[in-house]
Protein backbone atom coordinates (compact mmCIF):
# COMPACT_ATOMS: atom_id res chain seq x y z
CA MET A 1 -0.07 -25.45 0.87
CA PHE A 2 -2.81 -22.80 0.61
CA SER A 3 -0.63 -20.38 2.57
CA ALA A 4 2.24 -20.86 0.12
CA ILE A 5 -0.06 -20.26 -2.87
CA VAL A 6 -1.49 -17.09 -1.32
CA SER A 7 2.03 -15.88 -0.52
CA ALA A 8 3.19 -16.57 -4.08
CA LEU A 9 0.17 -14.75 -5.52
CA HIS A 10 0.91 -11.79 -3.23
CA VAL A 11 4.45 -11.53 -4.59
CA LEU A 12 3.18 -12.12 -8.15
CA ALA A 13 0.83 -9.15 -7.72
CA LEU A 14 3.86 -7.00 -6.95
CA GLY A 15 5.65 -8.43 -9.99
CA ILE A 16 2.70 -7.45 -12.18
CA GLY A 17 1.92 -4.15 -10.47
CA LEU A 18 5.33 -2.48 -10.46
CA PRO A 19 5.94 -2.72 -14.20
CA ALA A 20 2.27 -1.98 -14.93
CA ILE A 21 2.24 1.30 -13.01
CA PHE A 22 5.62 2.24 -14.52
CA LEU A 23 4.38 1.47 -18.04
CA ARG A 24 1.13 3.37 -17.47
CA GLY A 25 3.14 6.43 -16.47
CA ARG A 26 5.46 6.02 -19.42
CA ALA A 27 2.54 5.67 -21.83
CA LEU A 28 0.85 8.74 -20.35
CA ASN A 29 4.03 10.70 -20.99
CA GLY A 30 4.21 9.55 -24.62
CA SER A 31 2.15 10.10 -27.73
CA LEU A 32 -1.54 9.86 -26.91
CA ASP A 33 -2.83 8.86 -30.30
CA ARG A 34 -5.22 5.88 -30.43
CA GLU A 35 -2.34 3.38 -30.00
CA GLY A 36 -0.83 5.39 -27.13
CA ILE A 37 -4.17 5.50 -25.34
CA ARG A 38 -4.50 1.74 -25.86
CA ARG A 39 -1.11 1.28 -24.14
CA VAL A 40 -2.21 3.47 -21.23
CA LEU A 41 -5.42 1.48 -20.77
CA LEU A 42 -3.69 -1.90 -21.10
CA ALA A 43 -1.14 -0.98 -18.42
CA ASP A 44 -3.92 0.47 -16.27
CA THR A 45 -5.87 -2.80 -16.51
CA ALA A 46 -2.80 -4.77 -15.43
CA TRP A 47 -2.28 -2.33 -12.53
CA GLY A 48 -5.92 -2.74 -11.47
CA ILE A 49 -5.72 -6.54 -11.56
CA ALA A 50 -2.46 -6.48 -9.61
CA ALA A 51 -3.90 -4.10 -6.99
CA ALA A 52 -6.98 -6.29 -6.50
CA LEU A 53 -4.85 -9.44 -6.22
CA TRP A 54 -2.48 -7.67 -3.83
CA LEU A 55 -5.35 -6.51 -1.62
CA VAL A 56 -7.14 -9.88 -1.47
CA THR A 57 -3.99 -11.91 -0.83
CA GLY A 58 -2.71 -9.35 1.69
CA LEU A 59 -5.96 -9.49 3.65
CA LEU A 60 -5.88 -13.30 3.57
CA ARG A 61 -2.30 -13.33 4.83
CA ALA A 62 -2.92 -10.84 7.63
CA PHE A 63 -6.43 -11.75 8.75
CA GLY A 64 -7.18 -15.17 7.25
CA GLY A 65 -5.28 -17.30 9.74
CA LEU A 66 -2.29 -17.65 7.42
CA GLU A 67 1.31 -16.61 7.95
CA LYS A 68 2.21 -15.04 11.30
CA GLY A 69 -1.33 -14.34 12.51
CA THR A 70 -3.36 -11.22 13.04
CA ALA A 71 -1.77 -10.37 16.41
CA PHE A 72 1.69 -10.18 14.79
CA TYR A 73 0.49 -7.79 12.11
CA LEU A 74 -1.62 -5.55 14.33
CA GLY A 75 1.22 -5.45 16.88
CA SER A 76 3.61 -3.96 14.35
CA TRP A 77 3.78 -0.24 13.69
CA LEU A 78 5.41 -1.12 10.36
CA PHE A 79 2.26 -3.03 9.36
CA LEU A 80 0.22 0.06 10.19
CA LEU A 81 2.64 2.15 8.11
CA LYS A 82 2.30 -0.35 5.25
CA MET A 83 -1.49 -0.07 5.44
CA ALA A 84 -1.26 3.74 5.52
CA LEU A 85 0.91 3.62 2.40
CA PHE A 86 -1.59 1.30 0.71
CA VAL A 87 -4.50 3.63 1.55
CA THR A 88 -2.46 6.60 0.26
CA ILE A 89 -1.79 4.77 -3.01
CA GLU A 90 -5.49 3.97 -3.37
CA LEU A 91 -6.46 7.60 -2.69
CA LEU A 92 -3.93 8.79 -5.27
CA GLU A 93 -5.40 6.22 -7.68
CA LEU A 94 -8.91 7.69 -7.51
CA ARG A 95 -8.27 10.36 -10.13
CA PRO A 96 -6.54 8.03 -12.64
CA MET A 97 -9.23 5.39 -12.10
CA LEU A 98 -12.08 7.83 -12.77
CA THR A 99 -10.33 9.61 -15.64
CA LEU A 100 -9.25 6.43 -17.41
CA GLY A 101 -12.73 4.98 -16.88
CA ARG A 102 -14.09 8.00 -18.79
CA TRP A 103 -11.48 7.43 -21.50
CA ARG A 104 -12.70 3.84 -21.87
CA SER A 105 -16.33 4.96 -22.14
CA THR A 106 -15.46 7.65 -24.66
CA LEU A 107 -13.51 5.19 -26.81
CA ARG A 108 -16.39 2.68 -26.70
CA ALA A 109 -18.66 5.46 -27.97
CA GLY A 110 -16.29 5.92 -30.91
CA ARG A 111 -14.97 9.29 -29.78
CA THR A 112 -11.50 10.49 -28.82
CA PRO A 113 -11.04 11.15 -25.09
CA ASP A 114 -9.79 14.42 -23.64
CA THR A 115 -6.17 13.62 -22.83
CA SER A 116 -5.38 16.96 -21.18
CA PRO A 117 -5.13 15.34 -17.69
CA ALA A 118 -2.36 13.01 -18.93
CA ARG A 119 0.48 14.98 -17.31
CA THR A 120 -1.21 14.88 -13.90
CA LEU A 121 -1.96 11.16 -14.32
CA PHE A 122 1.70 10.60 -15.26
CA GLN A 123 2.81 12.35 -12.06
CA LEU A 124 0.32 10.40 -9.94
CA SER A 125 1.48 7.12 -11.50
CA HIS A 126 5.08 7.85 -10.56
CA ALA A 127 4.11 8.90 -7.04
CA GLU A 128 2.24 5.61 -6.66
CA LEU A 129 5.24 3.71 -8.02
CA GLY A 130 7.52 5.33 -5.45
CA LEU A 131 5.12 4.50 -2.62
CA VAL A 132 4.91 0.86 -3.74
CA VAL A 133 8.71 0.63 -3.58
CA VAL A 134 8.65 2.09 -0.06
CA MET A 135 5.97 -0.48 0.86
CA VAL A 136 8.25 -3.30 -0.29
CA PHE A 137 10.99 -2.14 2.07
CA VAL A 138 8.55 -1.67 4.95
CA ALA A 139 7.13 -5.17 4.34
CA SER A 140 10.59 -6.70 4.26
CA PHE A 141 11.55 -5.19 7.62
CA MET A 142 8.16 -6.05 9.10
CA ALA A 143 8.42 -9.70 8.03
CA ARG A 144 11.71 -9.94 9.92
CA GLY A 145 10.20 -8.74 13.19
CA PHE A 146 11.18 -5.08 13.12
CA GLY A 147 8.54 -2.67 14.35
CA LEU A 148 6.93 -4.94 16.93
CA ARG A 149 5.63 -3.17 20.01
């Protein structure tokens, strides 16, 4: 039962994360008045929650004695590719995470944040979105036994 719940939460994280990262990018490409910034930060929060849930449930599935077992995952070059994609997404996320964290602090201080990095953050959001989609395909093939050594 626990395995099924973890699996469902893993898929739910994807269901939250994909639209969240899309909406963050869309909001970053729109009007960045106070309401626009609020939309960016709301989508970013959802993306952060989804990423954390995805990471925790993924680690539980691969290394927590659930699903196919650690040997299956570590014996698959597709799993290693999936992990490389995840690390790449997280590295790409560093700049948005730090920048949007500063925006939050600036807003809490009652000031307007510098939105000049918005275009770059928009581009990074869409790059991350594309990599998540690639990860879904890699995961689907991996789950069906492709990529085993």
